[in-house]
Amino acid sequence: MSTNLKFTLGVLAAVVLIVGGAVFFAMKGSAEPDAAANLVRADSHRISTAADGKVTIVEFLDFECPSCGAAYPAVEQLRKDYAGKITYVVREFPLDMHPNAMNAAAAAEAAARQGKFEAMYNKLFSTQQTWGGQQADHAKTFDGYAQELGLDMARYRADVASQPVLDRIEADRADGAAAGARGTPTFFVNGELFDKQATYANLKAAVDSALAG
């Protein structure tokens, strides 16, 4: 092998290592939470509130996500059992892989503008198996839910397609990504990432630990 060829191969190897290292650290960095991430904003949806503010749970969710649907009964039981003891915050994190996730998020946000976020939240999860995981557009299904909830339909239809509602959803997603959310559901308990399976027992243990702390 000539000296020039050896030199060229050496340079190429160094470039590969440098580029590879840069990509590795970029990927590693993108998966780490941003210390300045906003988990809870002034206008975030608090569907349970504790007067003392000692324990706050934040869930970044996708209404079409099967795992979110599976966690929903545990979350509702937790909210019932710890009523007045925990603040429960819901943030939107619709995933592109779910065809109706954005439609559902928009329905919830439009309902929120009429004081019915929690009602739509419950409706979407309690009916998820009837519309989730389908390619068909279910905007009319959600329109029907809005009617059942007694919303002003002209206002609802205008809001569900509005830029402010889209901006609200995207702001939630941006906050989730900055906090380290990479899928749904992603929970935070008092600002700390909850890294266990979202069962009632695991969530309860986290809440009990936070209350005792």
Protein backbone atom coordinates (compact mmCIF):
# COMPACT_ATOMS: atom_id res chain seq x y z
CA MET A 1 0.00 0.00 0.00
CA SER A 2 1.46 3.38 -1.01
CA THR A 3 2.10 6.15 1.50
CA ASN A 4 -0.45 8.42 -0.23
CA LEU A 5 -3.15 5.74 -0.07
CA LYS A 6 -2.46 5.12 3.62
CA PHE A 7 -2.71 8.84 4.30
CA THR A 8 -5.99 9.13 2.40
CA LEU A 9 -7.54 6.16 4.22
CA GLY A 10 -6.41 7.61 7.54
CA VAL A 11 -8.06 10.93 6.81
CA LEU A 12 -11.30 9.21 5.75
CA ALA A 13 -11.33 7.12 8.94
CA ALA A 14 -10.88 10.25 11.05
CA VAL A 15 -13.72 12.00 9.25
CA VAL A 16 -16.01 9.01 9.79
CA LEU A 17 -15.19 8.98 13.51
CA ILE A 18 -15.77 12.71 13.88
CA VAL A 19 -19.06 12.69 11.96
CA GLY A 20 -20.22 9.55 13.72
CA GLY A 21 -19.41 11.05 17.09
CA ALA A 22 -21.23 14.25 16.23
CA VAL A 23 -24.34 12.33 15.19
CA PHE A 24 -24.17 10.20 18.35
CA PHE A 25 -23.94 13.19 20.65
CA ALA A 26 -26.66 15.03 18.73
CA MET A 27 -28.97 12.05 19.11
CA LYS A 28 -28.02 11.62 22.76
CA GLY A 29 -28.61 15.27 23.46
CA SER A 30 -32.00 15.26 21.73
CA ALA A 31 -33.21 12.57 24.12
CA GLU A 32 -32.25 14.46 27.28
CA PRO A 33 -34.79 16.71 29.04
CA ASP A 34 -34.33 20.45 28.80
CA ALA A 35 -33.94 21.87 32.30
CA ALA A 36 -36.01 24.90 31.26
CA ALA A 37 -38.87 22.80 29.85
CA ASN A 38 -42.37 23.96 30.78
CA LEU A 39 -44.26 20.99 32.18
CA VAL A 40 -47.15 23.12 33.41
CA ARG A 41 -48.21 26.46 32.01
CA ALA A 42 -50.73 28.91 33.46
CA ASP A 43 -53.38 27.75 30.98
CA SER A 44 -52.64 24.01 31.14
CA HIS A 45 -55.64 21.75 31.75
CA ARG A 46 -55.84 20.86 35.44
CA ILE A 47 -58.53 18.20 35.73
CA SER A 48 -57.79 17.59 39.42
CA THR A 49 -56.44 20.17 41.84
CA ALA A 50 -54.82 19.93 45.25
CA ALA A 51 -55.04 23.03 47.42
CA ASP A 52 -51.57 22.48 48.89
CA GLY A 53 -49.95 21.84 45.51
CA LYS A 54 -47.69 19.23 47.06
CA VAL A 55 -48.07 16.63 44.29
CA THR A 56 -48.51 17.43 40.61
CA ILE A 57 -48.79 14.76 37.95
CA VAL A 58 -48.44 15.77 34.32
CA GLU A 59 -49.47 13.43 31.52
CA PHE A 60 -48.54 14.02 27.89
CA LEU A 61 -51.12 11.97 26.01
CA ASP A 62 -52.54 11.02 22.64
CA PHE A 63 -56.28 10.28 22.70
CA GLU A 64 -55.86 7.60 20.02
CA CYS A 65 -52.89 5.90 21.67
CA PRO A 66 -53.85 2.38 22.90
CA SER A 67 -51.40 2.65 25.80
CA CYS A 68 -53.03 5.91 26.89
CA GLY A 69 -56.40 4.20 26.65
CA ALA A 70 -55.10 1.32 28.77
CA ALA A 71 -53.75 3.76 31.39
CA TYR A 72 -56.96 5.80 31.51
CA PRO A 73 -58.83 3.59 34.05
CA ALA A 74 -55.81 3.64 36.37
CA VAL A 75 -55.56 7.40 36.07
CA GLU A 76 -59.24 7.88 36.82
CA GLN A 77 -59.06 5.57 39.84
CA LEU A 78 -56.03 7.50 41.07
CA ARG A 79 -57.84 10.81 40.65
CA LYS A 80 -60.80 9.44 42.59
CA ASP A 81 -58.75 7.96 45.43
CA TYR A 82 -56.54 11.04 45.79
CA ALA A 83 -59.17 13.72 45.20
CA GLY A 84 -57.99 16.95 46.76
CA LYS A 85 -54.50 15.54 47.30
CA ILE A 86 -53.02 15.71 43.79
CA THR A 87 -53.07 18.14 40.92
CA TYR A 88 -53.49 16.29 37.62
CA VAL A 89 -52.48 18.09 34.44
CA VAL A 90 -53.22 16.92 30.90
CA ARG A 91 -51.03 18.02 27.98
CA GLU A 92 -51.60 17.21 24.31
CA PHE A 93 -49.01 15.04 22.55
CA PRO A 94 -50.73 13.59 19.45
CA LEU A 95 -48.48 11.23 17.50
CA ASP A 96 -48.26 11.35 13.72
CA MET A 97 -48.66 7.57 13.54
CA HIS A 98 -52.28 7.84 14.73
CA PRO A 99 -54.60 9.12 11.95
CA ASN A 100 -57.18 10.73 14.24
CA ALA A 101 -54.92 11.90 17.05
CA MET A 102 -54.91 15.51 15.86
CA ASN A 103 -58.67 15.48 15.26
CA ALA A 104 -59.22 14.20 18.79
CA ALA A 105 -56.83 16.75 20.30
CA ALA A 106 -58.56 19.55 18.40
CA ALA A 107 -61.95 18.30 19.64
CA ALA A 108 -60.71 18.38 23.22
CA GLU A 109 -59.21 21.85 22.85
CA ALA A 110 -62.36 23.20 21.17
CA ALA A 111 -64.42 21.75 24.01
CA ALA A 112 -62.05 23.38 26.50
CA ARG A 113 -62.95 26.76 25.07
CA GLN A 114 -66.48 26.11 26.32
CA GLY A 115 -65.39 24.76 29.70
CA LYS A 116 -65.82 21.11 28.72
CA PHE A 117 -62.28 19.80 28.37
CA GLU A 118 -62.65 17.15 31.07
CA ALA A 119 -65.98 16.00 29.66
CA MET A 120 -64.48 15.58 26.18
CA TYR A 121 -61.36 13.95 27.66
CA ASN A 122 -63.57 11.33 29.31
CA LYS A 123 -65.71 10.89 26.20
CA LEU A 124 -62.75 10.34 23.90
CA PHE A 125 -61.12 7.73 26.13
CA SER A 126 -64.33 5.92 27.02
CA THR A 127 -65.13 5.50 23.30
CA GLN A 128 -61.57 5.04 21.99
CA GLN A 129 -62.14 1.45 20.87
CA THR A 130 -64.96 2.54 18.54
CA TRP A 131 -62.88 5.03 16.54
CA GLY A 132 -59.21 4.48 17.36
CA GLY A 133 -56.79 2.68 15.06
CA GLN A 134 -58.76 3.45 11.93
CA GLN A 135 -57.73 5.28 8.77
CA ALA A 136 -61.17 6.83 8.34
CA ASP A 137 -61.50 10.47 9.37
CA HIS A 138 -63.52 10.64 12.59
CA ALA A 139 -63.95 14.42 12.81
CA LYS A 140 -67.72 13.91 12.44
CA THR A 141 -67.65 11.36 15.25
CA PHE A 142 -66.09 13.96 17.52
CA ASP A 143 -68.59 16.50 16.25
CA GLY A 144 -71.28 14.15 17.51
CA TYR A 145 -69.61 13.98 20.92
CA ALA A 146 -69.60 17.78 21.06
CA GLN A 147 -73.34 17.77 20.42
CA GLU A 148 -73.85 15.19 23.19
CA LEU A 149 -71.94 17.44 25.57
CA GLY A 150 -74.25 20.32 24.75
CA LEU A 151 -71.63 22.56 23.15
CA ASP A 152 -72.45 25.56 20.99
CA MET A 153 -71.86 23.78 17.71
CA ALA A 154 -71.19 26.83 15.55
CA ARG A 155 -68.53 27.92 17.99
CA TYR A 156 -67.15 24.39 18.34
CA ARG A 157 -66.81 23.90 14.58
CA ALA A 158 -65.07 27.25 14.19
CA ASP A 159 -62.69 26.52 17.07
CA VAL A 160 -61.83 22.96 16.07
CA ALA A 161 -60.48 24.22 12.72
CA SER A 162 -58.87 27.40 14.09
CA GLN A 163 -55.23 28.39 14.17
CA PRO A 164 -55.28 29.16 17.93
CA VAL A 165 -56.36 25.57 18.67
CA LEU A 166 -53.66 24.17 16.40
CA ASP A 167 -51.10 26.48 18.03
CA ARG A 168 -52.18 25.31 21.48
CA ILE A 169 -51.67 21.65 20.53
CA GLU A 170 -48.28 22.36 18.95
CA ALA A 171 -47.18 24.31 22.04
CA ASP A 172 -48.04 21.30 24.21
CA ARG A 173 -46.11 19.00 21.89
CA ALA A 174 -43.11 21.31 21.94
CA ASP A 175 -43.13 21.39 25.74
CA GLY A 176 -43.40 17.61 25.85
CA ALA A 177 -40.49 17.15 23.48
CA ALA A 178 -38.37 19.62 25.46
CA ALA A 179 -39.18 17.72 28.66
CA GLY A 180 -38.04 14.44 27.13
CA ALA A 181 -41.35 12.90 26.03
CA ARG A 182 -40.78 10.55 23.11
CA GLY A 183 -44.05 8.64 23.14
CA THR A 184 -47.34 8.38 24.97
CA PRO A 185 -48.33 8.29 27.67
CA THR A 186 -45.44 10.12 29.32
CA PHE A 187 -45.92 11.02 32.98
CA PHE A 188 -44.06 13.37 35.27
CA VAL A 189 -44.53 13.36 39.05
CA ASN A 190 -43.39 16.62 40.64
CA GLY A 191 -41.24 17.28 37.61
CA GLU A 192 -39.56 13.88 37.59
CA LEU A 193 -40.03 11.50 34.69
CA PHE A 194 -42.15 8.50 35.72
CA ASP A 195 -40.34 5.60 34.06
CA LYS A 196 -42.49 2.65 35.13
CA GLN A 197 -45.51 1.03 33.49
CA ALA A 198 -48.59 3.18 34.00
CA THR A 199 -50.49 0.79 36.26
CA TYR A 200 -52.56 1.91 39.20
CA ALA A 201 -50.13 0.29 41.65
CA ASN A 202 -47.10 2.02 40.13
CA LEU A 203 -48.77 5.42 39.93
CA LYS A 204 -50.08 5.06 43.48
CA ALA A 205 -46.62 4.21 44.75
CA ALA A 206 -45.20 7.32 43.08
CA VAL A 207 -47.93 9.51 44.57
CA ASP A 208 -47.53 8.01 48.05
CA SER A 209 -43.79 8.60 47.90
CA ALA A 210 -44.31 12.23 46.81
CA LEU A 211 -46.90 12.84 49.53
CA ALA A 212 -44.57 11.40 52.16
CA GLY A 213 -41.60 13.41 50.97
